[in-house]
Amino acid sequence: MSVTLKEFDFKRDLIERVFCRIKASPIHGVGVFAIRPIPKGVFPMREFVEGQFGEASVESIQGDPNIPESVKKLVVDMCPEHDGIYDIPMFGINGIGISYYLNHSATPNMGEDDGNFYALRDILEDEELTVDYGTYGALNL
């Protein structure tokens, strides 16, 4: 389904909702960085289409010979696992949003509320956004 400009104002989105980008991180691989100041309390990574999540057993993914090993590793890297179950995006792994690229910090500048991340304090332009993985059971990522 495509969205028309009448339904979605691109300029308004750029002005009101775009705060971050992904780039190389000194913490680990890539991370999420502020491309302009983010005031405390702002949810800088709200996605246009909010996804729903389901569950898949680790065995159903890792034990399936039809899934390439490189894709299985992507699932390990991108889908939190608990008690032998992966939390999986129902919109598909290629639809994963920018928040999946937040890196861990014991002194984070982002908090989490029901899957949405918000600024715990004012964040400066070019500052990496971080979250404490332990606050939502993702320390194994």
N, C-alpha and C. Protein backbone atom coordinates (compact mmCIF):
# COMPACT_ATOMS: atom_id res chain seq x y z
N MET A 1 0.84 -1.18 0.00
CA MET A 1 0.00 0.00 0.00
C MET A 1 0.88 1.24 0.00
N SER A 2 0.67 2.14 -0.92
CA SER A 2 1.44 3.38 -0.94
C SER A 2 0.66 4.48 -0.24
N VAL A 3 1.38 5.45 0.25
CA VAL A 3 0.79 6.58 0.95
C VAL A 3 0.98 7.82 0.08
N THR A 4 -0.06 8.60 -0.08
CA THR A 4 0.05 9.82 -0.87
C THR A 4 0.55 10.96 0.00
N LEU A 5 1.07 12.01 -0.65
CA LEU A 5 1.52 13.18 0.09
C LEU A 5 0.38 13.83 0.86
N LYS A 6 -0.83 13.66 0.38
CA LYS A 6 -1.99 14.20 1.09
C LYS A 6 -2.13 13.53 2.46
N GLU A 7 -1.77 12.24 2.53
CA GLU A 7 -1.88 11.49 3.78
C GLU A 7 -0.63 11.63 4.65
N PHE A 8 0.47 11.92 4.03
CA PHE A 8 1.73 11.99 4.75
C PHE A 8 2.52 13.20 4.28
N ASP A 9 2.75 14.13 5.17
CA ASP A 9 3.47 15.36 4.83
C ASP A 9 4.95 15.16 5.14
N PHE A 10 5.75 14.92 4.09
CA PHE A 10 7.17 14.62 4.24
C PHE A 10 7.93 15.77 4.92
N LYS A 11 7.66 17.01 4.51
CA LYS A 11 8.35 18.15 5.11
C LYS A 11 8.03 18.25 6.60
N ARG A 12 6.79 18.05 6.96
CA ARG A 12 6.40 18.10 8.38
C ARG A 12 7.13 17.01 9.16
N ASP A 13 7.24 15.84 8.58
CA ASP A 13 7.96 14.73 9.22
C ASP A 13 9.41 15.12 9.46
N LEU A 14 10.06 15.71 8.46
CA LEU A 14 11.45 16.13 8.59
C LEU A 14 11.62 17.17 9.70
N ILE A 15 10.67 18.07 9.82
CA ILE A 15 10.73 19.14 10.82
C ILE A 15 10.43 18.63 12.22
N GLU A 16 9.43 17.78 12.35
CA GLU A 16 8.94 17.40 13.67
C GLU A 16 9.46 16.08 14.21
N ARG A 17 9.87 15.16 13.34
CA ARG A 17 10.14 13.81 13.82
C ARG A 17 11.53 13.26 13.53
N VAL A 18 12.29 13.86 12.65
CA VAL A 18 13.59 13.31 12.29
C VAL A 18 14.68 13.94 13.16
N PHE A 19 15.28 13.11 14.02
CA PHE A 19 16.30 13.56 14.96
C PHE A 19 17.59 12.75 14.85
N CYS A 20 17.55 11.59 14.19
CA CYS A 20 18.65 10.64 14.29
C CYS A 20 19.04 10.04 12.95
N ARG A 21 20.24 9.47 12.95
CA ARG A 21 20.71 8.68 11.82
C ARG A 21 21.63 7.58 12.34
N ILE A 22 21.88 6.59 11.52
CA ILE A 22 22.80 5.50 11.86
C ILE A 22 24.15 5.83 11.24
N LYS A 23 25.22 5.63 12.03
CA LYS A 23 26.57 5.78 11.49
C LYS A 23 27.53 4.97 12.35
N ALA A 24 28.79 4.91 11.94
CA ALA A 24 29.80 4.14 12.66
C ALA A 24 29.89 4.61 14.11
N SER A 25 30.02 3.63 15.01
CA SER A 25 30.03 3.92 16.45
C SER A 25 31.35 3.51 17.09
N PRO A 26 31.87 4.35 17.99
CA PRO A 26 33.06 3.94 18.75
C PRO A 26 32.72 2.89 19.82
N ILE A 27 31.45 2.71 20.12
CA ILE A 27 31.02 1.73 21.11
C ILE A 27 31.01 0.33 20.52
N HIS A 28 30.33 0.19 19.37
CA HIS A 28 30.21 -1.13 18.74
C HIS A 28 29.61 -0.97 17.34
N GLY A 29 30.34 -1.34 16.33
CA GLY A 29 29.81 -1.38 14.96
C GLY A 29 29.18 -0.08 14.52
N VAL A 30 27.85 -0.07 14.47
CA VAL A 30 27.12 1.15 14.14
C VAL A 30 26.22 1.49 15.31
N GLY A 31 25.78 2.73 15.34
CA GLY A 31 24.90 3.19 16.40
C GLY A 31 23.99 4.29 15.88
N VAL A 32 23.18 4.80 16.77
CA VAL A 32 22.23 5.86 16.44
C VAL A 32 22.79 7.17 17.01
N PHE A 33 22.82 8.19 16.17
CA PHE A 33 23.38 9.48 16.57
C PHE A 33 22.36 10.59 16.33
N ALA A 34 22.40 11.58 17.22
CA ALA A 34 21.55 12.75 17.07
C ALA A 34 22.08 13.60 15.92
N ILE A 35 21.21 14.02 15.02
CA ILE A 35 21.62 14.91 13.94
C ILE A 35 21.17 16.35 14.22
N ARG A 36 20.53 16.52 15.37
CA ARG A 36 20.19 17.84 15.91
C ARG A 36 19.89 17.64 17.40
N PRO A 37 19.84 18.71 18.18
CA PRO A 37 19.58 18.53 19.61
C PRO A 37 18.23 17.83 19.85
N ILE A 38 18.22 16.99 20.86
CA ILE A 38 17.00 16.27 21.24
C ILE A 38 16.67 16.67 22.68
N PRO A 39 15.56 17.37 22.89
CA PRO A 39 15.19 17.77 24.25
C PRO A 39 14.79 16.57 25.12
N LYS A 40 15.03 16.69 26.40
CA LYS A 40 14.64 15.67 27.37
C LYS A 40 13.15 15.36 27.18
N GLY A 41 12.83 14.06 27.21
CA GLY A 41 11.44 13.61 27.11
C GLY A 41 10.95 13.33 25.71
N VAL A 42 11.69 13.78 24.70
CA VAL A 42 11.28 13.56 23.30
C VAL A 42 11.52 12.10 22.91
N PHE A 43 10.61 11.56 22.11
CA PHE A 43 10.73 10.22 21.54
C PHE A 43 11.29 10.41 20.12
N PRO A 44 12.63 10.38 19.95
CA PRO A 44 13.22 10.77 18.68
C PRO A 44 13.21 9.71 17.58
N MET A 45 12.70 8.52 17.87
CA MET A 45 12.74 7.44 16.87
C MET A 45 11.36 6.84 16.63
N ARG A 46 10.32 7.63 16.82
CA ARG A 46 8.98 7.10 16.55
C ARG A 46 8.90 6.73 15.09
N GLU A 47 8.39 5.57 14.85
CA GLU A 47 8.32 5.09 13.47
C GLU A 47 6.95 5.39 12.89
N PHE A 48 6.93 5.64 11.59
CA PHE A 48 5.68 5.97 10.90
C PHE A 48 4.67 4.84 11.04
N VAL A 49 5.14 3.62 10.89
CA VAL A 49 4.29 2.45 11.04
C VAL A 49 4.81 1.68 12.25
N GLU A 50 4.01 1.63 13.30
CA GLU A 50 4.44 0.91 14.47
C GLU A 50 4.21 -0.58 14.25
N GLY A 51 5.22 -1.34 14.53
CA GLY A 51 5.15 -2.78 14.29
C GLY A 51 4.59 -3.55 15.45
N GLN A 52 4.19 -4.73 15.15
CA GLN A 52 3.75 -5.66 16.16
C GLN A 52 4.78 -6.77 16.22
N PHE A 53 4.88 -7.38 17.38
CA PHE A 53 5.89 -8.41 17.58
C PHE A 53 5.24 -9.72 17.96
N GLY A 54 5.86 -10.79 17.53
CA GLY A 54 5.42 -12.13 17.86
C GLY A 54 6.58 -12.90 18.43
N GLU A 55 6.40 -14.19 18.53
CA GLU A 55 7.45 -15.05 19.09
C GLU A 55 7.71 -16.22 18.16
N ALA A 56 8.96 -16.65 18.15
CA ALA A 56 9.37 -17.86 17.43
C ALA A 56 10.39 -18.56 18.30
N SER A 57 10.28 -19.86 18.40
CA SER A 57 11.26 -20.58 19.21
C SER A 57 12.62 -20.54 18.53
N VAL A 58 13.66 -20.50 19.36
CA VAL A 58 15.02 -20.53 18.84
C VAL A 58 15.20 -21.77 17.97
N GLU A 59 14.69 -22.90 18.43
CA GLU A 59 14.83 -24.16 17.69
C GLU A 59 14.17 -24.08 16.31
N SER A 60 12.99 -23.42 16.23
CA SER A 60 12.30 -23.36 14.93
C SER A 60 13.08 -22.56 13.90
N ILE A 61 13.88 -21.60 14.37
CA ILE A 61 14.70 -20.81 13.46
C ILE A 61 16.06 -21.48 13.24
N GLN A 62 16.77 -21.72 14.33
CA GLN A 62 18.13 -22.25 14.23
C GLN A 62 18.16 -23.69 13.72
N GLY A 63 17.10 -24.44 13.91
CA GLY A 63 17.06 -25.83 13.46
C GLY A 63 16.53 -26.03 12.05
N ASP A 64 16.13 -24.95 11.40
CA ASP A 64 15.56 -25.07 10.06
C ASP A 64 16.68 -25.05 9.02
N PRO A 65 16.89 -26.16 8.30
CA PRO A 65 17.98 -26.22 7.32
C PRO A 65 17.75 -25.33 6.10
N ASN A 66 16.53 -24.83 5.90
CA ASN A 66 16.24 -23.97 4.76
C ASN A 66 16.64 -22.52 4.98
N ILE A 67 16.90 -22.15 6.24
CA ILE A 67 17.31 -20.78 6.54
C ILE A 67 18.83 -20.72 6.50
N PRO A 68 19.41 -19.87 5.63
CA PRO A 68 20.87 -19.77 5.55
C PRO A 68 21.48 -19.37 6.90
N GLU A 69 22.68 -19.84 7.17
CA GLU A 69 23.37 -19.55 8.43
C GLU A 69 23.55 -18.05 8.63
N SER A 70 23.82 -17.31 7.57
CA SER A 70 23.99 -15.86 7.69
C SER A 70 22.69 -15.18 8.13
N VAL A 71 21.56 -15.70 7.70
CA VAL A 71 20.26 -15.15 8.09
C VAL A 71 19.96 -15.54 9.54
N LYS A 72 20.33 -16.74 9.94
CA LYS A 72 20.15 -17.15 11.34
C LYS A 72 20.94 -16.24 12.27
N LYS A 73 22.16 -15.87 11.85
CA LYS A 73 22.97 -14.96 12.67
C LYS A 73 22.30 -13.59 12.76
N LEU A 74 21.70 -13.13 11.68
CA LEU A 74 20.99 -11.86 11.71
C LEU A 74 19.85 -11.91 12.73
N VAL A 75 19.14 -13.01 12.78
CA VAL A 75 18.07 -13.17 13.78
C VAL A 75 18.65 -13.09 15.19
N VAL A 76 19.77 -13.76 15.43
CA VAL A 76 20.42 -13.71 16.74
C VAL A 76 20.80 -12.26 17.08
N ASP A 77 21.34 -11.54 16.10
CA ASP A 77 21.79 -10.18 16.32
C ASP A 77 20.65 -9.18 16.52
N MET A 78 19.52 -9.41 15.89
CA MET A 78 18.47 -8.39 15.85
C MET A 78 17.20 -8.71 16.64
N CYS A 79 17.03 -9.95 17.05
CA CYS A 79 15.79 -10.34 17.75
C CYS A 79 16.11 -10.77 19.17
N PRO A 80 15.69 -9.99 20.17
CA PRO A 80 15.95 -10.38 21.55
C PRO A 80 15.45 -11.79 21.83
N GLU A 81 16.24 -12.53 22.61
CA GLU A 81 15.90 -13.92 22.94
C GLU A 81 15.75 -14.05 24.45
N HIS A 82 14.72 -14.76 24.87
CA HIS A 82 14.50 -15.05 26.29
C HIS A 82 13.85 -16.41 26.41
N ASP A 83 14.40 -17.24 27.28
CA ASP A 83 13.84 -18.56 27.57
C ASP A 83 13.59 -19.39 26.31
N GLY A 84 14.53 -19.33 25.36
CA GLY A 84 14.41 -20.13 24.15
C GLY A 84 13.43 -19.58 23.12
N ILE A 85 13.02 -18.32 23.29
CA ILE A 85 12.06 -17.68 22.38
C ILE A 85 12.66 -16.39 21.86
N TYR A 86 12.54 -16.16 20.55
CA TYR A 86 12.92 -14.88 19.95
C TYR A 86 11.68 -13.98 19.90
N ASP A 87 11.87 -12.69 20.19
CA ASP A 87 10.85 -11.69 19.90
C ASP A 87 11.09 -11.26 18.46
N ILE A 88 10.11 -11.46 17.61
CA ILE A 88 10.31 -11.21 16.18
C ILE A 88 9.36 -10.13 15.66
N PRO A 89 9.86 -9.26 14.78
CA PRO A 89 9.00 -8.24 14.20
C PRO A 89 8.05 -8.87 13.19
N MET A 90 6.76 -8.65 13.38
CA MET A 90 5.76 -9.25 12.49
C MET A 90 5.76 -8.59 11.11
N PHE A 91 6.43 -7.44 10.99
CA PHE A 91 6.51 -6.74 9.71
C PHE A 91 7.74 -7.17 8.92
N GLY A 92 8.48 -8.15 9.44
CA GLY A 92 9.64 -8.69 8.73
C GLY A 92 10.93 -8.04 9.20
N ILE A 93 12.00 -8.79 9.12
CA ILE A 93 13.29 -8.31 9.62
C ILE A 93 13.84 -7.17 8.77
N ASN A 94 13.46 -7.07 7.50
CA ASN A 94 13.92 -5.97 6.66
C ASN A 94 13.23 -4.65 7.00
N GLY A 95 12.19 -4.70 7.81
CA GLY A 95 11.48 -3.49 8.21
C GLY A 95 11.90 -2.96 9.57
N ILE A 96 12.99 -3.49 10.11
CA ILE A 96 13.45 -3.08 11.43
C ILE A 96 13.82 -1.59 11.41
N GLY A 97 13.37 -0.89 12.43
CA GLY A 97 13.60 0.55 12.53
C GLY A 97 14.95 0.91 13.16
N ILE A 98 15.22 2.19 13.19
CA ILE A 98 16.50 2.73 13.65
C ILE A 98 16.78 2.39 15.11
N SER A 99 15.76 2.25 15.93
CA SER A 99 15.97 1.99 17.36
C SER A 99 16.68 0.66 17.61
N TYR A 100 16.62 -0.25 16.68
CA TYR A 100 17.32 -1.53 16.83
C TYR A 100 18.83 -1.35 16.85
N TYR A 101 19.31 -0.21 16.43
CA TYR A 101 20.74 0.03 16.35
C TYR A 101 21.29 0.82 17.55
N LEU A 102 20.47 0.99 18.58
CA LEU A 102 20.95 1.62 19.80
C LEU A 102 21.97 0.71 20.47
N ASN A 103 23.07 1.28 20.91
CA ASN A 103 24.08 0.53 21.63
C ASN A 103 23.85 0.63 23.13
N HIS A 104 24.45 -0.30 23.87
CA HIS A 104 24.31 -0.38 25.32
C HIS A 104 25.26 0.58 26.03
N SER A 105 24.77 1.12 27.14
CA SER A 105 25.61 1.89 28.05
C SER A 105 25.08 1.71 29.46
N ALA A 106 25.98 1.64 30.43
CA ALA A 106 25.57 1.59 31.83
C ALA A 106 25.08 2.96 32.29
N THR A 107 25.40 4.00 31.52
CA THR A 107 24.91 5.36 31.81
C THR A 107 24.22 5.89 30.55
N PRO A 108 23.04 5.36 30.24
CA PRO A 108 22.37 5.69 28.98
C PRO A 108 21.78 7.10 28.97
N ASN A 109 21.57 7.60 27.77
CA ASN A 109 20.87 8.88 27.62
C ASN A 109 19.45 8.68 27.11
N MET A 110 19.06 7.40 26.89
CA MET A 110 17.72 7.08 26.43
C MET A 110 17.06 6.11 27.41
N GLY A 111 15.77 6.29 27.61
CA GLY A 111 14.97 5.36 28.39
C GLY A 111 13.99 4.65 27.47
N GLU A 112 13.32 3.66 28.00
CA GLU A 112 12.39 2.87 27.19
C GLU A 112 11.05 2.78 27.90
N ASP A 113 9.98 2.98 27.15
CA ASP A 113 8.62 2.89 27.67
C ASP A 113 7.77 2.13 26.67
N ASP A 114 7.48 0.88 26.98
CA ASP A 114 6.63 0.04 26.12
C ASP A 114 7.15 -0.04 24.69
N GLY A 115 8.48 -0.21 24.57
CA GLY A 115 9.08 -0.38 23.25
C GLY A 115 9.45 0.91 22.55
N ASN A 116 9.11 2.04 23.13
CA ASN A 116 9.46 3.34 22.55
C ASN A 116 10.56 3.97 23.39
N PHE A 117 11.53 4.58 22.74
CA PHE A 117 12.67 5.16 23.42
C PHE A 117 12.55 6.68 23.50
N TYR A 118 12.89 7.23 24.67
CA TYR A 118 12.78 8.67 24.89
C TYR A 118 14.07 9.19 25.52
N ALA A 119 14.32 10.47 25.34
CA ALA A 119 15.53 11.10 25.87
C ALA A 119 15.41 11.29 27.38
N LEU A 120 16.38 10.74 28.12
CA LEU A 120 16.40 10.89 29.57
C LEU A 120 16.89 12.28 29.98
N ARG A 121 17.58 12.92 29.08
CA ARG A 121 18.13 14.27 29.31
C ARG A 121 18.27 14.93 27.95
N ASP A 122 18.60 16.21 27.94
CA ASP A 122 18.88 16.88 26.67
C ASP A 122 20.08 16.21 26.01
N ILE A 123 19.97 15.92 24.73
CA ILE A 123 21.03 15.25 23.98
C ILE A 123 21.55 16.21 22.93
N LEU A 124 22.87 16.28 22.82
CA LEU A 124 23.51 17.20 21.88
C LEU A 124 23.59 16.62 20.47
N GLU A 125 23.65 17.49 19.49
CA GLU A 125 23.88 17.07 18.11
C GLU A 125 25.17 16.26 18.03
N ASP A 126 25.17 15.18 17.29
CA ASP A 126 26.28 14.26 17.05
C ASP A 126 26.60 13.35 18.24
N GLU A 127 25.79 13.39 19.28
CA GLU A 127 25.97 12.50 20.43
C GLU A 127 25.33 11.15 20.10
N GLU A 128 26.00 10.06 20.49
CA GLU A 128 25.42 8.75 20.27
C GLU A 128 24.32 8.49 21.29
N LEU A 129 23.20 7.95 20.83
CA LEU A 129 22.10 7.59 21.70
C LEU A 129 22.35 6.18 22.22
N THR A 130 22.21 6.00 23.52
CA THR A 130 22.46 4.70 24.14
C THR A 130 21.33 4.36 25.10
N VAL A 131 21.21 3.08 25.37
CA VAL A 131 20.20 2.58 26.29
C VAL A 131 20.83 1.48 27.13
N ASP A 132 20.31 1.27 28.33
CA ASP A 132 20.78 0.18 29.18
C ASP A 132 20.02 -1.07 28.80
N TYR A 133 20.67 -2.00 28.10
CA TYR A 133 20.00 -3.22 27.65
C TYR A 133 19.37 -3.98 28.81
N GLY A 134 19.95 -3.89 30.00
CA GLY A 134 19.44 -4.61 31.15
C GLY A 134 18.06 -4.17 31.58
N THR A 135 17.63 -2.96 31.20
CA THR A 135 16.31 -2.47 31.62
C THR A 135 15.17 -3.16 30.88
N TYR A 136 15.48 -3.83 29.79
CA TYR A 136 14.41 -4.56 29.09
C TYR A 136 14.88 -5.93 28.62
N GLY A 137 15.81 -6.53 29.37
CA GLY A 137 16.18 -7.92 29.15
C GLY A 137 16.95 -8.22 27.90
N ALA A 138 17.74 -7.27 27.40
CA ALA A 138 18.45 -7.49 26.15
C ALA A 138 19.96 -7.47 26.33
N LEU A 139 20.45 -7.80 27.51
CA LEU A 139 21.89 -7.73 27.76
C LEU A 139 22.69 -8.70 26.90
N ASN A 140 22.04 -9.71 26.33
CA ASN A 140 22.76 -10.68 25.49
C ASN A 140 23.01 -10.18 24.08
N LEU A 141 22.52 -9.00 23.73
CA LEU A 141 22.68 -8.48 22.36
C LEU A 141 24.06 -7.92 22.15
